[in-house]
């Protein structure tokens, strides 16, 4: 999930604030300048939270070359906190249609960083092309070595595309008995974000269903084309659970990344299949939208009161006139720091202290409050990139924790080759 208050393409926060203030100034009428500026800025923030971000990026490919010793392809990019980070990532370009997996840092200086190009999945990398940095390193399950099926999950809005990764690698069977992992991506992302979690799930004998949901540019959109922040998307996840049960699932484990965590927690509360959900695994989850917006306002040097005005607009009955939502969203219902006693399903949270989007403090506090929530911290990883910076530790944490929460034995598995 990209910064809520930064537009697509990683434009500088200063430019965003300047544009927001100019736009807000234009709305000044008879009201005082201070009130109009605050209200206008709050309205812009509220819309930024619920409007799906546009696809795009401003990270420029500066140079492509081959290493003189190994012959391996290298890419040089502008240096920033993301591109300097250790681990494996990807560059998406051609408006998101193309993707290259980027490996370790070869060299860097004050302004640029050169890294290994591990693989180009789609498109052709060229100097001068622009894209964006992401923790999503596989375009399709097959890129990670998985045998998989393309399926559709029937939702209230129509068929939503999904992937099924059988634990035993057998895609010929209709029924796959046992535990299924239903995986939910975050805000601004798509299904491919979840492929990182499928390897350890398969090793543990879980069949994986990676779902899409409304307004994510894959599943059918709503009339308002707005995120429900978990309020509406949970219905598509429940449809995924129903699909898994129809294919032989006896138990369910829910995985969620970022806003996908908020969606998962809402699903857990409202689904009619709650007794089937044995455990939850969350990466960098949103557990309190109030604190998230306040955090984003702080790092963009926007007064906290304006952030609170923005969340009030999202929740108020008159807010839809400004946000474009079909109906207001009761963010208090998504505040799991206040509602921690309602979480009674074993939950594992993996979250980095260097998450620049969703503050880790919420996850830490929730684990302190709830006896059902366990926390594994990471350092150095940006938002939902814990797996990228230390894949072995991420998978080990899930591998050691999850079997203790499942009552049924794991089935025989097939390991992917990549």
Protein backbone atom coordinates (compact mmCIF):
# COMPACT_ATOMS: atom_id res chain seq x y z
CA UNK A 1 0.00 0.00 0.00
CA UNK A 2 1.50 3.32 -1.08
CA UNK A 3 1.42 6.33 1.18
CA UNK A 4 -2.19 7.43 1.54
CA UNK A 5 -1.24 11.08 1.21
CA UNK A 6 1.19 10.76 -1.67
CA UNK A 7 -0.17 10.47 -5.21
CA UNK A 8 0.74 7.64 -7.55
CA UNK A 9 4.22 7.96 -8.96
CA UNK A 10 5.88 8.88 -5.66
CA UNK A 11 5.57 12.65 -6.15
CA UNK A 12 7.30 14.59 -3.37
CA UNK A 13 5.17 15.29 -0.32
CA UNK A 14 5.95 19.00 -0.64
CA UNK A 15 4.47 19.13 -4.15
CA UNK A 16 1.36 17.31 -2.93
CA UNK A 17 0.89 19.68 -0.02
CA UNK A 18 1.35 22.68 -2.29
CA UNK A 19 -1.22 21.41 -4.76
CA UNK A 20 -3.63 20.52 -2.00
CA UNK A 21 -3.40 23.96 -0.43
CA UNK A 22 -3.80 25.70 -3.79
CA UNK A 23 -6.86 23.57 -4.51
CA UNK A 24 -8.26 24.21 -1.08
CA UNK A 25 -7.69 27.94 -1.44
CA UNK A 26 -9.85 27.96 -4.54
CA UNK A 27 -12.78 26.77 -2.43
CA UNK A 28 -12.68 29.72 -0.10
CA UNK A 29 -15.91 31.65 -0.17
CA UNK A 30 -17.54 33.55 2.62
CA UNK A 31 -15.99 31.30 5.27
CA UNK A 32 -12.72 32.21 6.92
CA UNK A 33 -9.52 31.33 5.11
CA UNK A 34 -8.32 29.09 7.94
CA UNK A 35 -11.50 27.04 8.08
CA UNK A 36 -11.73 26.76 4.31
CA UNK A 37 -8.11 25.64 4.01
CA UNK A 38 -8.55 23.05 6.75
CA UNK A 39 -11.81 21.75 5.32
CA UNK A 40 -10.49 21.63 1.78
CA UNK A 41 -7.35 19.79 2.81
CA UNK A 42 -9.36 17.33 4.95
CA UNK A 43 -11.61 16.65 1.97
CA UNK A 44 -8.63 15.94 -0.26
CA UNK A 45 -7.17 13.55 2.31
CA UNK A 46 -10.48 11.74 2.75
CA UNK A 47 -10.77 11.23 -0.99
CA UNK A 48 -7.13 10.12 -1.19
CA UNK A 49 -7.84 7.36 1.34
CA UNK A 50 -10.84 5.83 -0.42
CA UNK A 51 -10.04 6.44 -4.10
CA UNK A 52 -8.00 3.61 -5.69
CA UNK A 53 -4.63 5.05 -6.76
CA UNK A 54 -3.83 5.43 -10.43
CA UNK A 55 -1.24 3.17 -11.97
CA UNK A 56 2.03 4.91 -12.78
CA UNK A 57 5.51 5.68 -11.56
CA UNK A 58 8.39 8.10 -11.83
CA UNK A 59 11.34 5.84 -11.04
CA UNK A 60 13.54 6.12 -14.13
CA UNK A 61 15.80 3.40 -15.51
CA UNK A 62 19.09 5.31 -15.76
CA UNK A 63 21.34 2.62 -17.19
CA UNK A 64 21.34 -1.02 -18.29
CA UNK A 65 24.55 -3.01 -18.62
CA UNK A 66 26.07 -6.45 -18.17
CA UNK A 67 28.49 -7.18 -15.36
CA UNK A 68 31.96 -7.41 -16.96
CA UNK A 69 32.87 -10.49 -14.90
CA UNK A 70 29.68 -12.56 -14.63
CA UNK A 71 27.84 -11.22 -17.65
CA UNK A 72 24.71 -10.83 -15.54
CA UNK A 73 22.36 -7.94 -16.39
CA UNK A 74 22.50 -4.89 -14.12
CA UNK A 75 20.18 -1.92 -13.71
CA UNK A 76 21.00 1.53 -12.36
CA UNK A 77 18.23 3.52 -10.69
CA UNK A 78 17.96 6.73 -8.67
CA UNK A 79 19.00 6.03 -5.08
CA UNK A 80 16.38 6.35 -2.37
CA UNK A 81 15.41 4.49 0.78
CA UNK A 82 13.52 1.84 -1.18
CA UNK A 83 16.04 1.17 -3.94
CA UNK A 84 18.91 0.98 -1.45
CA UNK A 85 17.19 -1.60 0.78
CA UNK A 86 18.64 -5.09 1.01
CA UNK A 87 16.66 -7.97 -0.45
CA UNK A 88 14.77 -8.86 -3.61
CA UNK A 89 12.16 -6.55 -5.17
CA UNK A 90 10.64 -5.73 -8.55
CA UNK A 91 10.26 -2.84 -10.93
CA UNK A 92 6.87 -2.55 -12.62
CA UNK A 93 6.79 -0.49 -15.79
CA UNK A 94 4.76 0.05 -18.98
CA UNK A 95 1.84 1.21 -16.81
CA UNK A 96 2.09 -1.97 -14.76
CA UNK A 97 1.91 -4.34 -17.71
CA UNK A 98 5.60 -5.25 -17.48
CA UNK A 99 7.74 -6.37 -14.56
CA UNK A 100 11.35 -7.19 -13.72
CA UNK A 101 12.62 -8.90 -10.56
CA UNK A 102 15.53 -6.97 -9.05
CA UNK A 103 18.14 -8.56 -6.80
CA UNK A 104 21.03 -7.47 -4.60
CA UNK A 105 22.89 -4.17 -4.66
CA UNK A 106 26.10 -4.31 -6.72
CA UNK A 107 27.26 -0.74 -6.13
CA UNK A 108 25.87 2.62 -5.08
CA UNK A 109 26.81 6.25 -4.55
CA UNK A 110 25.03 9.34 -3.26
CA UNK A 111 22.62 9.56 -6.20
CA UNK A 112 22.36 6.15 -7.86
CA UNK A 113 22.19 2.46 -7.04
CA UNK A 114 23.05 -0.47 -9.31
CA UNK A 115 21.41 -3.84 -8.71
CA UNK A 116 21.21 -7.26 -10.31
CA UNK A 117 18.33 -7.93 -12.71
CA UNK A 118 17.26 -11.46 -11.80
CA UNK A 119 14.52 -11.85 -14.36
CA UNK A 120 12.24 -9.88 -16.68
CA UNK A 121 8.76 -11.43 -16.58
CA UNK A 122 6.93 -9.18 -19.00
CA UNK A 123 7.96 -6.41 -21.38
CA UNK A 124 11.38 -5.09 -22.28
CA UNK A 125 13.56 -3.05 -19.95
CA UNK A 126 14.99 0.01 -21.64
CA UNK A 127 16.93 3.02 -20.44
CA UNK A 128 14.64 5.97 -19.81
CA UNK A 129 11.58 3.89 -19.00
CA UNK A 130 9.67 4.84 -15.86
CA UNK A 131 8.06 2.57 -13.33
CA UNK A 132 7.64 1.96 -9.64
CA UNK A 133 9.39 -0.09 -6.97
CA UNK A 134 7.40 -2.90 -5.38
CA UNK A 135 7.74 -5.85 -3.05
CA UNK A 136 5.70 -7.96 -5.45
CA UNK A 137 8.37 -10.10 -7.10
CA UNK A 138 6.29 -12.61 -9.09
CA UNK A 139 3.82 -11.73 -11.83
CA UNK A 140 2.06 -15.12 -11.76
CA UNK A 141 2.30 -18.19 -9.50
CA UNK A 142 4.12 -20.01 -12.28
CA UNK A 143 6.94 -17.48 -12.02
CA UNK A 144 7.59 -18.82 -8.52
CA UNK A 145 7.54 -22.42 -9.74
CA UNK A 146 4.00 -23.26 -8.67
CA UNK A 147 1.51 -25.38 -10.55
CA UNK A 148 -1.72 -23.38 -10.41
CA UNK A 149 -5.23 -22.95 -11.75
CA UNK A 150 -6.93 -19.80 -13.00
CA UNK A 151 -10.44 -19.73 -11.55
CA UNK A 152 -13.31 -17.31 -10.98
CA UNK A 153 -14.94 -16.74 -7.62
CA UNK A 154 -18.62 -15.80 -7.81
CA UNK A 155 -19.25 -12.55 -5.91
CA UNK A 156 -22.29 -10.31 -5.63
CA UNK A 157 -20.75 -8.08 -8.29
CA UNK A 158 -19.84 -10.88 -10.69
CA UNK A 159 -16.95 -13.30 -11.23
CA UNK A 160 -13.67 -12.24 -9.59
CA UNK A 161 -10.46 -13.84 -10.90
CA UNK A 162 -8.40 -15.93 -8.50
CA UNK A 163 -5.55 -18.43 -8.45
CA UNK A 164 -5.57 -21.85 -6.83
CA UNK A 165 -2.22 -23.38 -5.84
CA UNK A 166 -2.75 -27.01 -4.73
CA UNK A 167 -0.55 -28.23 -1.89
CA UNK A 168 0.40 -31.36 -3.80
CA UNK A 169 0.83 -29.57 -7.14
CA UNK A 170 -1.98 -31.59 -8.74
CA UNK A 171 -4.14 -29.21 -10.79
CA UNK A 172 -6.19 -32.01 -12.39
CA UNK A 173 -8.33 -32.73 -9.35
CA UNK A 174 -11.45 -30.74 -8.58
CA UNK A 175 -11.48 -31.48 -4.86
CA UNK A 176 -8.55 -30.73 -2.57
CA UNK A 177 -9.34 -31.83 0.97
CA UNK A 178 -7.66 -30.20 3.93
CA UNK A 179 -6.69 -26.71 5.01
CA UNK A 180 -6.92 -23.83 2.53
CA UNK A 181 -5.18 -20.49 2.81
CA UNK A 182 -7.27 -17.61 1.46
CA UNK A 183 -4.90 -14.73 0.69
CA UNK A 184 -5.90 -11.05 0.45
CA UNK A 185 -3.74 -8.29 -1.02
CA UNK A 186 -3.53 -4.69 0.11
CA UNK A 187 -4.58 -1.23 -1.07
CA UNK A 188 -3.30 -0.32 -4.52
CA UNK A 189 -1.90 -3.84 -5.01
CA UNK A 190 -3.26 -6.90 -6.79
CA UNK A 191 -3.28 -10.68 -6.37
CA UNK A 192 0.38 -11.05 -7.27
CA UNK A 193 1.33 -9.44 -3.93
CA UNK A 194 0.26 -12.62 -2.13
CA UNK A 195 2.35 -15.12 -4.09
CA UNK A 196 5.17 -14.50 -1.61
CA UNK A 197 3.15 -16.27 1.07
CA UNK A 198 2.24 -19.31 -1.01
CA UNK A 199 5.55 -21.16 -0.65
CA UNK A 200 5.43 -21.61 3.10
CA UNK A 201 1.70 -22.36 2.88
CA UNK A 202 2.43 -25.17 0.43
CA UNK A 203 5.26 -26.50 2.58
CA UNK A 204 2.79 -26.74 5.45
CA UNK A 205 0.29 -28.63 3.32
CA UNK A 206 -2.12 -25.76 2.68
CA UNK A 207 -3.86 -25.25 -0.63
CA UNK A 208 -3.79 -21.53 -1.49
CA UNK A 209 -6.58 -19.43 -2.97
CA UNK A 210 -5.34 -15.96 -3.93
CA UNK A 211 -8.36 -13.74 -4.44
CA UNK A 212 -9.12 -10.41 -6.06
CA UNK A 213 -11.71 -8.00 -4.67
CA UNK A 214 -13.85 -5.08 -5.79
CA UNK A 215 -12.11 -2.00 -7.22
CA UNK A 216 -8.64 -3.60 -7.39
CA UNK A 217 -8.49 -3.35 -11.23
CA UNK A 218 -9.08 -7.12 -11.55
CA UNK A 219 -12.39 -7.92 -9.84
CA UNK A 220 -15.66 -6.18 -10.79
CA UNK A 221 -15.87 -2.57 -9.62
CA UNK A 222 -18.62 -0.99 -7.56
CA UNK A 223 -20.65 1.93 -8.90
CA UNK A 224 -18.80 4.38 -6.68
CA UNK A 225 -15.38 2.85 -7.52
CA UNK A 226 -14.21 3.50 -3.97
CA UNK A 227 -12.42 1.37 -1.40
CA UNK A 228 -14.53 0.29 1.54
CA UNK A 229 -11.37 -0.07 3.68
CA UNK A 230 -12.60 -3.52 4.69
CA UNK A 231 -16.27 -2.59 5.08
CA UNK A 232 -17.32 -3.89 1.68
CA UNK A 233 -14.41 -6.00 0.44
CA UNK A 234 -14.95 -8.64 3.12
CA UNK A 235 -17.92 -9.94 1.14
CA UNK A 236 -15.60 -10.91 -1.71
CA UNK A 237 -13.30 -12.70 0.73
CA UNK A 238 -16.26 -14.60 2.14
CA UNK A 239 -17.10 -15.60 -1.42
CA UNK A 240 -13.54 -16.92 -1.61
CA UNK A 241 -14.06 -18.94 1.55
CA UNK A 242 -17.24 -20.39 0.06
CA UNK A 243 -15.31 -21.31 -3.06
CA UNK A 244 -12.60 -23.05 -1.03
CA UNK A 245 -15.21 -25.00 0.92
CA UNK A 246 -16.83 -26.09 -2.33
CA UNK A 247 -13.45 -27.44 -3.46
CA UNK A 248 -12.91 -29.54 -0.35
CA UNK A 249 -11.60 -27.16 2.30
CA UNK A 250 -12.14 -28.40 5.83
CA UNK A 251 -10.45 -25.46 7.55
CA UNK A 252 -9.39 -21.97 6.50
CA UNK A 253 -6.37 -19.79 7.27
CA UNK A 254 -6.73 -16.14 6.25
CA UNK A 255 -3.65 -14.20 5.09
CA UNK A 256 -3.75 -10.43 4.63
CA UNK A 257 -1.27 -7.74 3.62
CA UNK A 258 -1.75 -4.06 4.61
CA UNK A 259 -5.40 -3.09 3.96
CA UNK A 260 -5.88 -6.78 3.28
CA UNK A 261 -5.34 -7.17 7.01
CA UNK A 262 -8.25 -4.84 7.72
CA UNK A 263 -10.34 -6.78 5.21
CA UNK A 264 -9.40 -10.09 6.84
CA UNK A 265 -10.29 -8.87 10.34
CA UNK A 266 -13.65 -7.61 9.09
CA UNK A 267 -14.24 -10.93 7.35
CA UNK A 268 -13.39 -12.80 10.51
CA UNK A 269 -16.00 -10.78 12.39
CA UNK A 270 -18.87 -11.08 9.92
CA UNK A 271 -18.43 -14.29 7.95
CA UNK A 272 -20.91 -17.09 8.49
CA UNK A 273 -17.93 -19.47 8.25
CA UNK A 274 -16.06 -18.10 11.24
CA UNK A 275 -15.93 -21.54 12.85
CA UNK A 276 -13.95 -22.74 9.83
CA UNK A 277 -11.23 -20.09 10.20
CA UNK A 278 -8.51 -21.62 12.37
CA UNK A 279 -5.85 -18.93 12.15
CA UNK A 280 -4.92 -15.56 10.65
CA UNK A 281 -1.56 -14.34 9.32
CA UNK A 282 -1.14 -10.59 8.73
CA UNK A 283 1.71 -8.60 7.22
CA UNK A 284 1.90 -4.87 7.98
CA UNK A 285 -1.85 -4.75 8.70
CA UNK A 286 -4.07 -1.73 9.16
CA UNK A 287 -5.59 -2.27 12.60
CA UNK A 288 -6.77 1.32 13.18
CA UNK A 289 -7.58 3.75 10.35
CA UNK A 290 -7.65 6.72 12.72
CA UNK A 291 -4.04 6.22 13.78
CA UNK A 292 -2.95 5.43 10.23
CA UNK A 293 -4.32 8.70 8.85
CA UNK A 294 -2.90 10.60 11.84
CA UNK A 295 0.50 9.03 11.18
CA UNK A 296 0.42 9.93 7.51
CA UNK A 297 -0.65 13.49 8.34
CA UNK A 298 2.25 13.81 10.77
CA UNK A 299 4.95 12.66 8.36
CA UNK A 300 3.57 15.05 5.73
CA UNK A 301 3.56 17.86 8.32
CA UNK A 302 -0.20 18.25 8.21
CA UNK A 303 -1.92 19.16 11.52
CA UNK A 304 -3.42 16.17 13.31
CA UNK A 305 -6.80 17.88 13.56
CA UNK A 306 -7.03 17.92 9.76
CA UNK A 307 -6.34 14.20 9.64
CA UNK A 308 -9.12 13.70 12.14
CA UNK A 309 -11.43 15.86 10.05
CA UNK A 310 -10.63 13.59 7.10
CA UNK A 311 -11.60 10.42 8.98
CA UNK A 312 -14.75 12.17 10.23
CA UNK A 313 -15.68 12.92 6.62
CA UNK A 314 -15.29 9.25 5.73
CA UNK A 315 -17.57 8.22 8.60
CA UNK A 316 -20.14 11.06 8.57
CA UNK A 317 -23.53 10.59 6.90
CA UNK A 318 -22.88 13.67 4.75
CA UNK A 319 -19.35 12.57 3.87
CA UNK A 320 -20.26 10.70 0.66
CA UNK A 321 -21.01 14.05 -1.02
CA UNK A 322 -17.30 14.79 -0.70
CA UNK A 323 -15.65 11.36 -0.77
CA UNK A 324 -17.81 9.87 -3.50
CA UNK A 325 -18.54 6.82 -1.35
CA UNK A 326 -21.90 5.17 -1.83
CA UNK A 327 -22.32 5.18 1.95
CA UNK A 328 -20.29 6.39 4.95
CA UNK A 329 -17.82 3.99 6.56
CA UNK A 330 -17.91 3.53 10.33
CA UNK A 331 -14.18 3.55 10.98
CA UNK A 332 -14.77 2.85 14.67
CA UNK A 333 -15.90 -0.63 13.65
CA UNK A 334 -12.46 -1.13 12.06
CA UNK A 335 -10.54 0.10 15.12
CA UNK A 336 -9.16 -3.16 16.47
CA UNK A 337 -7.10 -1.42 19.13
CA UNK A 338 -10.39 -0.51 20.79
CA UNK A 339 -12.08 -3.78 19.86
CA UNK A 340 -9.23 -6.14 20.67
CA UNK A 341 -11.47 -8.33 22.82
CA UNK A 342 -13.45 -9.26 19.71
CA UNK A 343 -10.42 -11.01 18.23
CA UNK A 344 -10.62 -14.62 19.38
CA UNK A 345 -8.92 -16.40 16.47
CA UNK A 346 -5.16 -17.07 16.74
CA UNK A 347 -3.44 -14.30 14.78
CA UNK A 348 0.18 -13.80 13.78
CA UNK A 349 1.34 -10.29 12.81
CA UNK A 350 4.62 -9.71 10.97
CA UNK A 351 5.53 -6.02 10.85
CA UNK A 352 8.64 -3.90 10.36
CA UNK A 353 9.71 -1.08 12.64
CA UNK A 354 10.68 0.79 9.46
CA UNK A 355 7.24 0.61 7.85
CA UNK A 356 6.76 4.09 6.38
CA UNK A 357 3.04 3.69 5.63
CA UNK A 358 1.36 1.75 8.44
CA UNK A 359 2.90 2.49 11.86
CA UNK A 360 4.15 -0.64 13.59
CA UNK A 361 3.02 0.65 16.99
CA UNK A 362 -0.55 -0.43 16.29
CA UNK A 363 0.48 -4.03 15.67
CA UNK A 364 2.70 -4.08 18.76
CA UNK A 365 -0.05 -2.64 20.93
CA UNK A 366 -2.64 -5.09 19.62
CA UNK A 367 -0.34 -8.00 20.47
CA UNK A 368 0.14 -6.57 23.97
CA UNK A 369 -3.62 -6.27 24.47
CA UNK A 370 -4.85 -9.54 22.98
CA UNK A 371 -3.82 -13.02 24.16
CA UNK A 372 -4.77 -14.30 20.70
CA UNK A 373 -2.32 -12.09 18.79
CA UNK A 374 1.38 -12.89 18.41
CA UNK A 375 3.87 -10.42 16.95
CA UNK A 376 7.11 -10.93 15.02
CA UNK A 377 9.05 -7.75 14.36
CA UNK A 378 11.40 -6.92 11.50
CA UNK A 379 13.83 -4.06 10.97
CA UNK A 380 14.89 -2.32 7.78
CA UNK A 381 11.88 -3.42 5.74
CA UNK A 382 9.59 -0.88 4.13
CA UNK A 383 5.81 -1.38 4.01
CA UNK A 384 4.83 -5.06 3.51
CA UNK A 385 8.39 -5.87 2.43
CA UNK A 386 9.35 -7.98 5.43
CA UNK A 387 9.47 -11.07 3.19
CA UNK A 388 11.65 -9.23 0.68
CA UNK A 389 14.31 -8.21 3.15
CA UNK A 390 14.44 -11.55 5.00
CA UNK A 391 12.45 -14.27 3.26
CA UNK A 392 13.88 -17.07 5.37
CA UNK A 393 12.90 -15.42 8.64
CA UNK A 394 9.41 -14.52 7.38
CA UNK A 395 8.73 -18.07 6.24
CA UNK A 396 10.30 -19.57 9.37
CA UNK A 397 8.04 -17.46 11.58
CA UNK A 398 4.93 -18.71 9.77
CA UNK A 399 6.24 -22.27 9.57
CA UNK A 400 6.85 -22.47 13.31
CA UNK A 401 3.68 -20.67 14.41
CA UNK A 402 0.91 -21.92 12.14
CA UNK A 403 1.05 -25.72 12.74
CA UNK A 404 0.50 -25.13 16.46
CA UNK A 405 -2.83 -23.44 15.64
CA UNK A 406 -4.19 -26.05 13.23
CA UNK A 407 -5.99 -29.11 14.51
CA UNK A 408 -5.74 -31.15 11.35
CA UNK A 409 -2.52 -32.75 10.05
CA UNK A 410 -0.82 -31.30 6.98
CA UNK A 411 -1.14 -33.15 3.67
CA UNK A 412 1.72 -34.25 1.50
CA UNK A 413 3.19 -31.34 -0.45
CA UNK A 414 5.10 -30.65 -3.65
CA UNK A 415 7.89 -28.08 -3.51
CA UNK A 416 8.09 -25.48 -6.29
CA UNK A 417 11.33 -25.29 -8.25
CA UNK A 418 11.91 -21.51 -8.03
